[in-house]
C-alpha atoms as a PDB file:
ATOM      1  CA  MET A   1      -5.755  33.572  -7.947  1.00  0.00           C
ATOM      2  CA  ALA A   2      -3.039  35.792  -6.495  1.00  0.00           C
ATOM      3  CA  PRO A   3       0.376  35.839  -8.167  1.00  0.00           C
ATOM      4  CA  GLY A   4       2.582  33.124  -6.721  1.00  0.00           C
ATOM      5  CA  SER A   5      -0.321  31.229  -5.181  1.00  0.00           C
ATOM      6  CA  VAL A   6      -0.793  27.569  -5.901  1.00  0.00           C
ATOM      7  CA  GLY A   7      -3.898  26.046  -7.493  1.00  0.00           C
ATOM      8  CA  ARG A   8      -4.750  23.290  -5.055  1.00  0.00           C
ATOM      9  CA  LYS A   9      -7.086  20.366  -5.769  1.00  0.00           C
ATOM     10  CA  ASP A  10      -9.413  19.730  -2.815  1.00  0.00           C
ATOM     11  CA  LEU A  11      -9.629  15.981  -2.141  1.00  0.00           C
ATOM     12  CA  ARG A  12     -11.195  16.124   1.317  1.00  0.00           C
ATOM     13  CA  LEU A  13     -14.589  14.885   0.094  1.00  0.00           C
ATOM     14  CA  ALA A  14     -13.271  12.780  -2.807  1.00  0.00           C
ATOM     15  CA  ALA A  15     -13.724   9.026  -2.973  1.00  0.00           C
ATOM     16  CA  ILE A  16     -10.943   7.041  -1.298  1.00  0.00           C
ATOM     17  CA  GLU A  17      -9.975   5.622  -4.704  1.00  0.00           C
ATOM     18  CA  GLU A  18      -9.269   9.114  -6.061  1.00  0.00           C
ATOM     19  CA  LYS A  19      -7.287  10.009  -2.949  1.00  0.00           C
ATOM     20  CA  GLU A  20      -5.211   6.822  -3.147  1.00  0.00           C
ATOM     21  CA  GLU A  21      -4.510   7.347  -6.863  1.00  0.00           C
ATOM     22  CA  THR A  22      -3.215  10.833  -6.062  1.00  0.00           C
ATOM     23  CA  TYR A  23      -1.159   9.548  -3.114  1.00  0.00           C
ATOM     24  CA  ARG A  24       0.428   6.916  -5.421  1.00  0.00           C
ATOM     25  CA  LEU A  25       1.269   9.655  -7.932  1.00  0.00           C
ATOM     26  CA  ILE A  26       2.934  11.716  -5.202  1.00  0.00           C
ATOM     27  CA  ASP A  27       4.820   8.646  -3.969  1.00  0.00           C
ATOM     28  CA  GLY A  28       6.118   8.006  -7.490  1.00  0.00           C
ATOM     29  CA  LEU A  29       7.248  11.632  -7.842  1.00  0.00           C
ATOM     30  CA  ALA A  30       8.989  11.409  -4.459  1.00  0.00           C
ATOM     31  CA  GLU A  31      10.820   8.259  -5.572  1.00  0.00           C
ATOM     32  CA  LEU A  32      12.060  10.255  -8.580  1.00  0.00           C
ATOM     33  CA  GLY A  33      13.579  12.794  -6.194  1.00  0.00           C
ATOM     34  CA  ASN A  34      10.847  15.430  -6.006  1.00  0.00           C
ATOM     35  CA  PRO A  35      10.596  16.902  -2.508  1.00  0.00           C
ATOM     36  CA  VAL A  36       7.284  16.467  -0.678  1.00  0.00           C
ATOM     37  CA  SER A  37       5.893  19.124   1.635  1.00  0.00           C
ATOM     38  CA  ILE A  38       3.020  18.359   4.030  1.00  0.00           C
ATOM     39  CA  LYS A  39       1.649  21.171   6.173  1.00  0.00           C
ATOM     40  CA  GLU A  40      -1.394  21.656   8.355  1.00  0.00           C
ATOM     41  CA  HIS A  41      -3.997  23.715   6.504  1.00  0.00           C
ATOM     42  CA  GLY A  42      -5.218  26.945   8.040  1.00  0.00           C
ATOM     43  CA  SER A  43      -8.676  25.428   8.537  1.00  0.00           C
ATOM     44  CA  GLY A  44      -7.152  23.098  11.126  1.00  0.00           C
ATOM     45  CA  PHE A  45      -7.025  19.383  11.865  1.00  0.00           C
ATOM     46  CA  PRO A  46      -7.383  17.080   9.960  1.00  0.00           C
ATOM     47  CA  ALA A  47      -6.831  19.199   6.809  1.00  0.00           C
ATOM     48  CA  VAL A  48      -3.326  19.261   5.311  1.00  0.00           C
ATOM     49  CA  THR A  49      -1.757  20.572   2.153  1.00  0.00           C
ATOM     50  CA  VAL A  50       0.578  18.351   0.172  1.00  0.00           C
ATOM     51  CA  ASP A  51       2.923  19.689  -2.501  1.00  0.00           C
ATOM     52  CA  CYS A  52       5.153  17.569  -4.727  1.00  0.00           C
ATOM     53  CA  GLY A  53       6.317  18.701  -8.136  1.00  0.00           C
ATOM     54  CA  GLU A  54       3.268  19.916 -10.052  1.00  0.00           C
ATOM     55  CA  VAL A  55       0.847  18.174  -7.644  1.00  0.00           C
ATOM     56  CA  HIS A  56      -0.770  20.464  -5.076  1.00  0.00           C
ATOM     57  CA  ILE A  57      -3.616  19.066  -3.000  1.00  0.00           C
ATOM     58  CA  LEU A  58      -5.703  19.738   0.070  1.00  0.00           C
ATOM     59  CA  THR A  59      -6.623  16.490   1.809  1.00  0.00           C
ATOM     60  CA  ASP A  60      -7.175  14.976   5.219  1.00  0.00           C
ATOM     61  CA  ILE A  61      -4.258  13.565   7.187  1.00  0.00           C
ATOM     62  CA  LEU A  62      -6.326  10.578   8.326  1.00  0.00           C
ATOM     63  CA  SER A  63      -6.749   9.082   4.839  1.00  0.00           C
ATOM     64  CA  LEU A  64      -3.141   9.915   3.999  1.00  0.00           C
ATOM     65  CA  GLU A  65      -1.859   8.130   7.106  1.00  0.00           C
ATOM     66  CA  GLN A  66      -4.133   5.154   6.437  1.00  0.00           C
ATOM     67  CA  TRP A  67      -2.812   4.896   2.853  1.00  0.00           C
ATOM     68  CA  TRP A  68       0.801   5.210   4.077  1.00  0.00           C
ATOM     69  CA  ALA A  69       0.362   2.406   6.645  1.00  0.00           C
ATOM     70  CA  LYS A  70      -1.089   0.129   3.947  1.00  0.00           C
ATOM     71  CA  HIS A  71       1.637   1.145   1.472  1.00  0.00           C
ATOM     72  CA  LYS A  72       4.471   0.445   3.939  1.00  0.00           C
ATOM     73  CA  LYS A  73       3.229  -3.123   4.489  1.00  0.00           C
ATOM     74  CA  LYS A  74       3.523  -3.813   0.733  1.00  0.00           C
ATOM     75  CA  ARG A  75       7.164  -2.711   0.573  1.00  0.00           C
END
């Protein structure tokens, strides 16, 4: 890995349960004041990178948006 590059966990093919567990972790870190960065991945739609604290993932925006919509209803 190049100096300064981030080790990123690839969740694109992971089970939805693993994705949602990671999204909950990121949400908790964000509530503690950690900034969240979401950017389109170079491979294109629907891949995105998400960075928050020590969590660095590659995932799909579709599952992330689906989790967010479900999460907002619970609030």
